[in-house]
């Protein structure tokens, strides 16, 4: 059985190379965790990520 992180690593990264700072799986994981804790919107999730 695959873990959440292993599954997120399988998601195709559609972003262009220019401007990539973090692997997509980390970005998705932060969004999932932030949403579970009640954060919504990119500003709140950005603050959560810090």
Protein backbone atom coordinates (compact mmCIF):
# COMPACT_ATOMS: atom_id res chain seq x y z
CA UNK A 1 0.00 0.00 0.00
CA UNK A 2 1.41 3.35 -1.02
CA UNK A 3 1.72 6.18 1.45
CA UNK A 4 0.26 9.61 0.79
CA UNK A 5 3.70 11.01 -0.03
CA UNK A 6 4.42 8.18 -2.47
CA UNK A 7 1.08 8.84 -4.19
CA UNK A 8 1.74 12.60 -4.36
CA UNK A 9 5.14 11.92 -5.93
CA UNK A 10 3.33 10.11 -8.76
CA UNK A 11 1.33 13.21 -9.74
CA UNK A 12 2.59 14.66 -13.02
CA UNK A 13 4.09 18.12 -12.61
CA UNK A 14 2.49 20.34 -15.26
CA UNK A 15 4.41 23.47 -14.22
CA UNK A 16 7.12 25.02 -16.36
CA UNK A 17 10.68 24.71 -15.09
CA UNK A 18 11.02 28.48 -14.79
CA UNK A 19 9.98 29.60 -11.34
CA UNK A 20 9.81 26.16 -9.72
CA UNK A 21 11.01 26.44 -6.15
CA UNK A 22 9.67 23.28 -4.57
CA UNK A 23 8.77 19.80 -5.78
CA UNK A 24 5.08 19.47 -6.60
CA UNK A 25 4.51 16.74 -4.02
CA UNK A 26 5.61 19.09 -1.22
CA UNK A 27 3.32 21.85 -2.48
CA UNK A 28 0.38 19.45 -2.62
CA UNK A 29 1.15 18.07 0.85
CA UNK A 30 1.23 21.57 2.37
CA UNK A 31 -2.10 22.38 0.69
CA UNK A 32 -3.68 19.17 2.00
CA UNK A 33 -2.39 19.67 5.55
CA UNK A 34 -3.31 23.35 5.62
CA UNK A 35 -6.81 22.62 4.37
CA UNK A 36 -7.26 19.92 7.02
CA UNK A 37 -6.33 22.50 9.66
CA UNK A 38 -8.88 25.00 8.36
CA UNK A 39 -6.73 27.28 6.22
CA UNK A 40 -8.24 28.38 2.91
CA UNK A 41 -7.03 30.58 0.11
CA UNK A 42 -3.51 31.04 -1.13
CA UNK A 43 -2.59 33.74 1.40
CA UNK A 44 -3.60 31.70 4.42
CA UNK A 45 -1.96 28.58 3.01
CA UNK A 46 1.18 30.60 2.29
CA UNK A 47 1.31 31.73 5.91
CA UNK A 48 0.74 28.15 7.05
CA UNK A 49 3.61 26.96 4.85
CA UNK A 50 6.04 29.35 6.53
